[in-house]
Amino acid sequence: MKNTNKYRKLENEQKKIRVEIMNMIIEKNSVVSLNEISNNLLNTLELEESYIKQTLDYFEKNNIMVVDEDNYVNFIYPVSAHETMHKVTLQDGRKLNAMCAIDALGVGLTFNQDIAIDSVCNITSKEINIKLKDNKLHSINNDDLRILHINLDKHENWAASC
């Protein structure tokens, strides 16, 4: 089976750009404009403006981030700039909204940190509290919890399948 993970295919600088955009959303706790991102990346990562523009275009065209008609980034997987039911607290104390429950589980890998997830089941509306340490399940508030996941490799736009 061929590896279709679009994040593994990114160049190292593109991976840094992706994380920096997520950090900006987390810090602001809101959407960020493409202009804000470009200005920030020019200063923090010292990249060429043309490379930044190409990367942002690539992210948008390949559904790595979702940009609205006013050129604000609303989502860059797994981080949402909007309120969701899936709250994640990073080990460093920062808090973010994850796109979906499955994305919340992946936040620890994305940021290479232990995480605590506070979510709500879509079906039962019961609270879900999970802690991951070293990317392994550390604690959970419901031993009967089950996760249903579909193979998203066949979907271009993953958000449409969450």
C-alpha atoms as a PDB file:
ATOM      1  CA  MET A   1       0.000   0.000   0.000  1.00  0.00           C
ATOM      2  CA  LYS A   2       1.417   3.381  -0.931  1.00  0.00           C
ATOM      3  CA  ASN A   3       1.900   5.978   1.780  1.00  0.00           C
ATOM      4  CA  THR A   4      -0.493   8.830   1.109  1.00  0.00           C
ATOM      5  CA  ASN A   5       0.164  10.763   4.316  1.00  0.00           C
ATOM      6  CA  LYS A   6       0.387  14.311   3.044  1.00  0.00           C
ATOM      7  CA  TYR A   7       2.272  15.509   6.129  1.00  0.00           C
ATOM      8  CA  ARG A   8       5.150  13.071   5.724  1.00  0.00           C
ATOM      9  CA  LYS A   9       5.670  14.346   2.188  1.00  0.00           C
ATOM     10  CA  LEU A  10       6.325  17.905   3.351  1.00  0.00           C
ATOM     11  CA  GLU A  11       9.805  19.361   3.199  1.00  0.00           C
ATOM     12  CA  ASN A  12      11.390  20.166   6.581  1.00  0.00           C
ATOM     13  CA  GLU A  13      10.836  23.907   6.086  1.00  0.00           C
ATOM     14  CA  GLN A  14       7.194  23.273   5.175  1.00  0.00           C
ATOM     15  CA  LYS A  15       6.772  21.255   8.376  1.00  0.00           C
ATOM     16  CA  LYS A  16       8.185  24.200  10.343  1.00  0.00           C
ATOM     17  CA  ILE A  17       5.770  26.566   8.586  1.00  0.00           C
ATOM     18  CA  ARG A  18       2.836  24.298   9.427  1.00  0.00           C
ATOM     19  CA  VAL A  19       3.761  24.179  13.115  1.00  0.00           C
ATOM     20  CA  GLU A  20       4.354  27.940  13.214  1.00  0.00           C
ATOM     21  CA  ILE A  21       0.865  28.581  11.789  1.00  0.00           C
ATOM     22  CA  MET A  22      -0.637  26.270  14.414  1.00  0.00           C
ATOM     23  CA  ASN A  23       1.303  28.093  17.131  1.00  0.00           C
ATOM     24  CA  MET A  24      -0.021  31.435  15.887  1.00  0.00           C
ATOM     25  CA  ILE A  25      -3.619  30.192  16.037  1.00  0.00           C
ATOM     26  CA  ILE A  26      -3.076  28.770  19.526  1.00  0.00           C
ATOM     27  CA  GLU A  27      -1.491  31.986  20.800  1.00  0.00           C
ATOM     28  CA  LYS A  28      -4.168  34.198  19.277  1.00  0.00           C
ATOM     29  CA  ASN A  29      -6.992  31.714  19.992  1.00  0.00           C
ATOM     30  CA  SER A  30      -8.530  32.895  16.759  1.00  0.00           C
ATOM     31  CA  VAL A  31      -8.125  32.924  13.008  1.00  0.00           C
ATOM     32  CA  VAL A  32      -4.932  34.381  11.538  1.00  0.00           C
ATOM     33  CA  SER A  33      -4.620  36.121   8.194  1.00  0.00           C
ATOM     34  CA  LEU A  34      -2.303  34.987   5.436  1.00  0.00           C
ATOM     35  CA  ASN A  35      -0.614  38.411   5.740  1.00  0.00           C
ATOM     36  CA  GLU A  36       0.029  37.878   9.459  1.00  0.00           C
ATOM     37  CA  ILE A  37       1.438  34.449   8.722  1.00  0.00           C
ATOM     38  CA  SER A  38       3.723  35.696   5.950  1.00  0.00           C
ATOM     39  CA  ASN A  39       5.057  38.569   8.060  1.00  0.00           C
ATOM     40  CA  ASN A  40       5.624  36.286  11.025  1.00  0.00           C
ATOM     41  CA  LEU A  41       7.391  33.615   8.947  1.00  0.00           C
ATOM     42  CA  LEU A  42       9.637  36.181   7.298  1.00  0.00           C
ATOM     43  CA  ASN A  43      10.828  37.203  10.763  1.00  0.00           C
ATOM     44  CA  THR A  44      10.872  33.928  12.685  1.00  0.00           C
ATOM     45  CA  LEU A  45      12.011  31.396  10.082  1.00  0.00           C
ATOM     46  CA  GLU A  46      13.870  33.812   7.804  1.00  0.00           C
ATOM     47  CA  LEU A  47      12.510  32.226   4.638  1.00  0.00           C
ATOM     48  CA  GLU A  48      12.139  33.759   1.199  1.00  0.00           C
ATOM     49  CA  GLU A  49       8.775  35.397   0.647  1.00  0.00           C
ATOM     50  CA  SER A  50       8.236  33.414  -2.565  1.00  0.00           C
ATOM     51  CA  TYR A  51       8.818  30.114  -0.727  1.00  0.00           C
ATOM     52  CA  ILE A  52       6.341  31.109   1.977  1.00  0.00           C
ATOM     53  CA  LYS A  53       3.714  32.027  -0.625  1.00  0.00           C
ATOM     54  CA  GLN A  54       4.269  28.754  -2.521  1.00  0.00           C
ATOM     55  CA  THR A  55       3.946  26.781   0.692  1.00  0.00           C
ATOM     56  CA  LEU A  56       0.776  28.547   1.795  1.00  0.00           C
ATOM     57  CA  ASP A  57      -0.747  27.969  -1.651  1.00  0.00           C
ATOM     58  CA  TYR A  58       0.279  24.303  -1.475  1.00  0.00           C
ATOM     59  CA  PHE A  59      -1.274  23.929   2.002  1.00  0.00           C
ATOM     60  CA  GLU A  60      -4.532  25.424   0.806  1.00  0.00           C
ATOM     61  CA  LYS A  61      -4.724  23.425  -2.443  1.00  0.00           C
ATOM     62  CA  ASN A  62      -3.942  20.157  -0.629  1.00  0.00           C
ATOM     63  CA  ASN A  63      -6.405  20.697   2.230  1.00  0.00           C
ATOM     64  CA  ILE A  64      -3.673  20.984   4.837  1.00  0.00           C
ATOM     65  CA  MET A  65      -5.258  24.256   5.907  1.00  0.00           C
ATOM     66  CA  VAL A  66      -8.629  25.857   5.243  1.00  0.00           C
ATOM     67  CA  VAL A  67      -8.655  29.529   4.280  1.00  0.00           C
ATOM     68  CA  ASP A  68     -11.843  31.575   4.087  1.00  0.00           C
ATOM     69  CA  GLU A  69     -12.799  34.176   1.458  1.00  0.00           C
ATOM     70  CA  ASP A  70     -11.218  36.936   3.573  1.00  0.00           C
ATOM     71  CA  ASN A  71      -7.838  35.128   3.571  1.00  0.00           C
ATOM     72  CA  TYR A  72      -7.974  33.961   7.191  1.00  0.00           C
ATOM     73  CA  VAL A  73      -6.817  30.482   8.178  1.00  0.00           C
ATOM     74  CA  ASN A  74      -9.681  28.791  10.013  1.00  0.00           C
ATOM     75  CA  PHE A  75      -8.148  25.329  10.327  1.00  0.00           C
ATOM     76  CA  ILE A  76      -4.746  23.773   9.909  1.00  0.00           C
ATOM     77  CA  TYR A  77      -4.955  20.142  10.814  1.00  0.00           C
ATOM     78  CA  PRO A  78      -5.304  19.238  13.624  1.00  0.00           C
ATOM     79  CA  VAL A  79      -5.841  22.764  15.046  1.00  0.00           C
ATOM     80  CA  SER A  80      -9.080  24.711  14.708  1.00  0.00           C
ATOM     81  CA  ALA A  81      -9.149  28.492  15.095  1.00  0.00           C
ATOM     82  CA  HIS A  82     -12.798  28.117  16.083  1.00  0.00           C
ATOM     83  CA  GLU A  83     -14.418  26.666  19.169  1.00  0.00           C
ATOM     84  CA  THR A  84     -14.989  22.890  18.985  1.00  0.00           C
ATOM     85  CA  MET A  85     -16.057  20.182  21.423  1.00  0.00           C
ATOM     86  CA  HIS A  86     -12.508  18.794  21.399  1.00  0.00           C
ATOM     87  CA  LYS A  87     -10.237  20.734  23.785  1.00  0.00           C
ATOM     88  CA  VAL A  88      -6.599  19.770  24.121  1.00  0.00           C
ATOM     89  CA  THR A  89      -4.154  20.964  26.758  1.00  0.00           C
ATOM     90  CA  LEU A  90      -0.507  20.583  25.839  1.00  0.00           C
ATOM     91  CA  GLN A  91       2.103  19.687  28.439  1.00  0.00           C
ATOM     92  CA  ASP A  92       3.493  23.226  28.124  1.00  0.00           C
ATOM     93  CA  GLY A  93       0.109  24.572  29.304  1.00  0.00           C
ATOM     94  CA  ARG A  94      -1.197  25.901  25.999  1.00  0.00           C
ATOM     95  CA  LYS A  95      -4.764  25.030  25.032  1.00  0.00           C
ATOM     96  CA  LEU A  96      -6.256  24.483  21.606  1.00  0.00           C
ATOM     97  CA  ASN A  97      -9.361  23.317  19.812  1.00  0.00           C
ATOM     98  CA  ALA A  98      -8.905  20.191  17.713  1.00  0.00           C
ATOM     99  CA  MET A  99     -10.791  19.693  14.472  1.00  0.00           C
ATOM    100  CA  CYS A 100     -12.294  16.386  15.627  1.00  0.00           C
ATOM    101  CA  ALA A 101     -11.816  13.719  18.291  1.00  0.00           C
ATOM    102  CA  ILE A 102      -9.358  11.744  16.149  1.00  0.00           C
ATOM    103  CA  ASP A 103      -7.331  14.904  15.500  1.00  0.00           C
ATOM    104  CA  ALA A 104      -7.266  15.550  19.251  1.00  0.00           C
ATOM    105  CA  LEU A 105      -5.563  12.181  19.736  1.00  0.00           C
ATOM    106  CA  GLY A 106      -2.888  13.171  17.209  1.00  0.00           C
ATOM    107  CA  VAL A 107      -2.033  16.518  18.800  1.00  0.00           C
ATOM    108  CA  GLY A 108       0.583  14.934  21.068  1.00  0.00           C
ATOM    109  CA  LEU A 109       2.458  13.594  18.058  1.00  0.00           C
ATOM    110  CA  THR A 110       2.142  16.888  16.210  1.00  0.00           C
ATOM    111  CA  PHE A 111       3.647  18.900  19.070  1.00  0.00           C
ATOM    112  CA  ASN A 112       5.774  16.109  20.572  1.00  0.00           C
ATOM    113  CA  GLN A 113       4.205  16.631  24.009  1.00  0.00           C
ATOM    114  CA  ASP A 114       1.999  14.855  26.524  1.00  0.00           C
ATOM    115  CA  ILE A 115      -1.607  16.006  26.241  1.00  0.00           C
ATOM    116  CA  ALA A 116      -4.928  16.044  28.063  1.00  0.00           C
ATOM    117  CA  ILE A 117      -8.108  15.872  25.987  1.00  0.00           C
ATOM    118  CA  ASP A 118     -11.486  17.103  27.185  1.00  0.00           C
ATOM    119  CA  SER A 119     -14.144  16.241  24.659  1.00  0.00           C
ATOM    120  CA  VAL A 120     -17.782  15.283  24.332  1.00  0.00           C
ATOM    121  CA  CYS A 121     -19.174  12.196  22.622  1.00  0.00           C
ATOM    122  CA  ASN A 122     -21.131  13.107  19.502  1.00  0.00           C
ATOM    123  CA  ILE A 123     -23.644  10.309  20.163  1.00  0.00           C
ATOM    124  CA  THR A 124     -24.178  10.270  23.951  1.00  0.00           C
ATOM    125  CA  SER A 125     -23.085  13.832  24.858  1.00  0.00           C
ATOM    126  CA  LYS A 126     -21.042  12.342  27.719  1.00  0.00           C
ATOM    127  CA  GLU A 127     -17.750  13.921  28.716  1.00  0.00           C
ATOM    128  CA  ILE A 128     -14.572  12.263  27.524  1.00  0.00           C
ATOM    129  CA  ASN A 129     -11.323  12.898  29.356  1.00  0.00           C
ATOM    130  CA  ILE A 130      -8.140  11.285  28.086  1.00  0.00           C
ATOM    131  CA  LYS A 131      -4.504  11.780  29.014  1.00  0.00           C
ATOM    132  CA  LEU A 132      -1.698  10.639  26.747  1.00  0.00           C
ATOM    133  CA  LYS A 133       1.867  10.394  28.033  1.00  0.00           C
ATOM    134  CA  ASP A 134       4.695   9.430  25.704  1.00  0.00           C
ATOM    135  CA  ASN A 135       1.977   9.032  23.033  1.00  0.00           C
ATOM    136  CA  LYS A 136       0.377   6.207  24.996  1.00  0.00           C
ATOM    137  CA  LEU A 137      -2.920   6.107  26.832  1.00  0.00           C
ATOM    138  CA  HIS A 138      -2.258   7.164  30.429  1.00  0.00           C
ATOM    139  CA  SER A 139      -5.796   7.652  31.731  1.00  0.00           C
ATOM    140  CA  ILE A 140      -9.373   7.752  30.543  1.00  0.00           C
ATOM    141  CA  ASN A 141     -12.634   8.517  32.338  1.00  0.00           C
ATOM    142  CA  ASN A 142     -14.625   5.728  30.657  1.00  0.00           C
ATOM    143  CA  ASP A 143     -13.223   2.210  30.278  1.00  0.00           C
ATOM    144  CA  ASP A 144     -16.009   1.388  27.777  1.00  0.00           C
ATOM    145  CA  LEU A 145     -15.007   4.162  25.379  1.00  0.00           C
ATOM    146  CA  ARG A 146     -14.529   3.036  21.778  1.00  0.00           C
ATOM    147  CA  ILE A 147     -13.230   5.014  18.833  1.00  0.00           C
ATOM    148  CA  LEU A 148     -14.677   4.587  15.365  1.00  0.00           C
ATOM    149  CA  HIS A 149     -12.342   5.691  12.614  1.00  0.00           C
ATOM    150  CA  ILE A 150     -12.564   5.410   8.858  1.00  0.00           C
ATOM    151  CA  ASN A 151      -9.690   5.234   6.412  1.00  0.00           C
ATOM    152  CA  LEU A 152      -9.379   8.806   5.214  1.00  0.00           C
ATOM    153  CA  ASP A 153      -6.823   8.044   2.500  1.00  0.00           C
ATOM    154  CA  LYS A 154      -9.648   7.850  -0.033  1.00  0.00           C
ATOM    155  CA  HIS A 155     -10.877  11.388   0.771  1.00  0.00           C
ATOM    156  CA  GLU A 156      -9.318  14.590  -0.562  1.00  0.00           C
ATOM    157  CA  ASN A 157     -10.966  16.785   2.059  1.00  0.00           C
ATOM    158  CA  TRP A 158     -10.739  15.014   5.395  1.00  0.00           C
ATOM    159  CA  ALA A 159     -12.916  17.560   7.209  1.00  0.00           C
ATOM    160  CA  ALA A 160     -15.869  16.475   5.102  1.00  0.00           C
ATOM    161  CA  SER A 161     -15.533  12.989   6.611  1.00  0.00           C
ATOM    162  CA  CYS A 162     -15.172  13.875  10.304  1.00  0.00           C
END
